[in-house]
C-alpha atoms as a PDB file:
ATOM      1  CA  MET A   1      -0.707  12.832   6.689  1.00  0.00           C
ATOM      2  CA  ASN A   2      -1.186  16.107   5.323  1.00  0.00           C
ATOM      3  CA  ALA A   3       0.815  17.644   8.244  1.00  0.00           C
ATOM      4  CA  MET A   4       3.534  15.500   6.037  1.00  0.00           C
ATOM      5  CA  SER A   5       5.742  16.971   3.008  1.00  0.00           C
ATOM      6  CA  SER A   6       5.534  15.045  -0.199  1.00  0.00           C
ATOM      7  CA  GLU A   7       8.585  13.420   0.367  1.00  0.00           C
ATOM      8  CA  GLN A   8       8.130  12.195   4.169  1.00  0.00           C
ATOM      9  CA  ARG A   9       4.276  10.545   2.155  1.00  0.00           C
ATOM     10  CA  ALA A  10       6.217   8.777  -0.301  1.00  0.00           C
ATOM     11  CA  ALA A  11       8.147   7.930   1.881  1.00  0.00           C
ATOM     12  CA  TYR A  12       5.663   6.445   4.363  1.00  0.00           C
ATOM     13  CA  LEU A  13       4.069   4.612   1.466  1.00  0.00           C
ATOM     14  CA  ALA A  14       7.088   3.417   0.484  1.00  0.00           C
ATOM     15  CA  GLY A  15       7.639   1.382   4.124  1.00  0.00           C
ATOM     16  CA  VAL A  16       3.783   0.528   4.194  1.00  0.00           C
ATOM     17  CA  ILE A  17       3.989  -1.349   0.182  1.00  0.00           C
ATOM     18  CA  GLU A  18       7.234  -3.028   1.961  1.00  0.00           C
ATOM     19  CA  GLY A  19       6.024  -4.491   5.223  1.00  0.00           C
ATOM     20  CA  LEU A  20       2.612  -5.208   3.730  1.00  0.00           C
ATOM     21  CA  ALA A  21       4.993  -7.103   0.506  1.00  0.00           C
ATOM     22  CA  ILE A  22       7.295  -8.891   3.350  1.00  0.00           C
ATOM     23  CA  ALA A  23       4.259 -10.303   5.344  1.00  0.00           C
ATOM     24  CA  ARG A  24       2.146 -11.679   2.119  1.00  0.00           C
ATOM     25  CA  TYR A  25       5.591 -13.452   0.570  1.00  0.00           C
ATOM     26  CA  ASN A  26       5.786 -15.099   3.799  1.00  0.00           C
ATOM     27  CA  LYS A  27       2.663 -15.952   4.253  1.00  0.00           C
ATOM     28  CA  ASP A  28       2.668 -17.819   0.845  1.00  0.00           C
ATOM     29  CA  GLY A  29       5.255 -19.348   2.076  1.00  0.00           C
ATOM     30  CA  LYS A  30       8.061 -17.421   0.423  1.00  0.00           C
ATOM     31  CA  GLN A  31       6.004 -17.416  -3.257  1.00  0.00           C
ATOM     32  CA  LYS A  32       6.971 -14.130  -4.689  1.00  0.00           C
ATOM     33  CA  THR A  33       3.515 -14.213  -6.199  1.00  0.00           C
ATOM     34  CA  GLY A  34       1.560 -11.790  -4.236  1.00  0.00           C
ATOM     35  CA  LEU A  35       4.855  -9.648  -3.077  1.00  0.00           C
ATOM     36  CA  GLY A  36       5.101  -8.890  -7.307  1.00  0.00           C
ATOM     37  CA  CYS A  37       1.348  -7.983  -7.324  1.00  0.00           C
ATOM     38  CA  ILE A  38       1.762  -5.628  -4.174  1.00  0.00           C
ATOM     39  CA  TYR A  39       4.918  -4.333  -5.728  1.00  0.00           C
ATOM     40  CA  ASP A  40       3.958  -3.875  -9.193  1.00  0.00           C
ATOM     41  CA  TRP A  41      -0.342  -2.804  -8.001  1.00  0.00           C
ATOM     42  CA  TYR A  42       1.909   0.330  -6.357  1.00  0.00           C
ATOM     43  CA  TYR A  43       5.654   0.948  -8.375  1.00  0.00           C
ATOM     44  CA  LYS A  44       4.160   0.721 -11.696  1.00  0.00           C
ATOM     45  CA  ASP A  45       0.329   1.643 -11.690  1.00  0.00           C
ATOM     46  CA  LYS A  46       0.556   5.328 -11.572  1.00  0.00           C
ATOM     47  CA  SER A  47      -3.122   6.256 -10.761  1.00  0.00           C
ATOM     48  CA  ASN A  48      -3.525   3.806  -7.550  1.00  0.00           C
ATOM     49  CA  LEU A  49      -1.774   6.963  -5.983  1.00  0.00           C
ATOM     50  CA  LYS A  50      -4.768   9.027  -6.493  1.00  0.00           C
ATOM     51  CA  LEU A  51      -6.959   6.028  -5.476  1.00  0.00           C
ATOM     52  CA  ILE A  52      -5.194   6.118  -1.806  1.00  0.00           C
ATOM     53  CA  HIS A  53      -5.096   9.814  -1.510  1.00  0.00           C
ATOM     54  CA  ASP A  54      -9.003   9.439  -1.736  1.00  0.00           C
ATOM     55  CA  ALA A  55      -9.188   6.831   0.609  1.00  0.00           C
ATOM     56  CA  PHE A  56      -7.042   8.825   2.792  1.00  0.00           C
ATOM     57  CA  ASP A  57      -9.356  11.870   2.255  1.00  0.00           C
ATOM     58  CA  LYS A  58     -13.122   9.414   2.492  1.00  0.00           C
ATOM     59  CA  TYR A  59     -11.604   7.996   5.581  1.00  0.00           C
ATOM     60  CA  PRO A  60      -9.791  10.312   7.434  1.00  0.00           C
ATOM     61  CA  THR A  61      -9.732   8.055  11.045  1.00  0.00           C
ATOM     62  CA  TYR A  62      -8.563   4.923   9.577  1.00  0.00           C
ATOM     63  CA  PRO A  63      -4.983   4.880  10.276  1.00  0.00           C
ATOM     64  CA  PRO A  64      -3.216   5.135   6.680  1.00  0.00           C
ATOM     65  CA  GLY A  65      -1.397   1.499   6.796  1.00  0.00           C
ATOM     66  CA  SER A  66      -5.044  -0.407   7.706  1.00  0.00           C
ATOM     67  CA  ILE A  67      -6.146   2.132   4.332  1.00  0.00           C
ATOM     68  CA  VAL A  68      -3.431   0.923   2.217  1.00  0.00           C
ATOM     69  CA  ASP A  69      -3.777  -2.825   3.651  1.00  0.00           C
ATOM     70  CA  VAL A  70      -7.245  -2.795   2.403  1.00  0.00           C
ATOM     71  CA  LEU A  71      -6.197  -1.316  -1.173  1.00  0.00           C
ATOM     72  CA  VAL A  72      -3.881  -3.242  -1.522  1.00  0.00           C
ATOM     73  CA  LYS A  73      -5.958  -7.117  -0.563  1.00  0.00           C
ATOM     74  CA  GLN A  74      -8.796  -5.384  -3.249  1.00  0.00           C
ATOM     75  CA  LYS A  75      -6.133  -6.345  -5.862  1.00  0.00           C
ATOM     76  CA  CYS A  76      -3.423  -8.426  -4.871  1.00  0.00           C
ATOM     77  CA  GLY A  77      -6.014 -10.766  -2.031  1.00  0.00           C
ATOM     78  CA  GLU A  78      -4.682 -12.088   1.231  1.00  0.00           C
END
């Protein structure tokens, strides 16, 4: 992540969020509640971007997508 530009990081994170949201939508039987929670968590609460980057710094050996997955599950459940 550190080797990416800010634009590349934003695109990467948007892709991770989209993947998590669609996976949740399918898991929930096409109910939009979980998907909406994930989108709101990332796109509406701007403080979560700092939370994500702090977690990346704290756990540099973990895959970034896995870190975001854990953070999303803490807020939106499974």
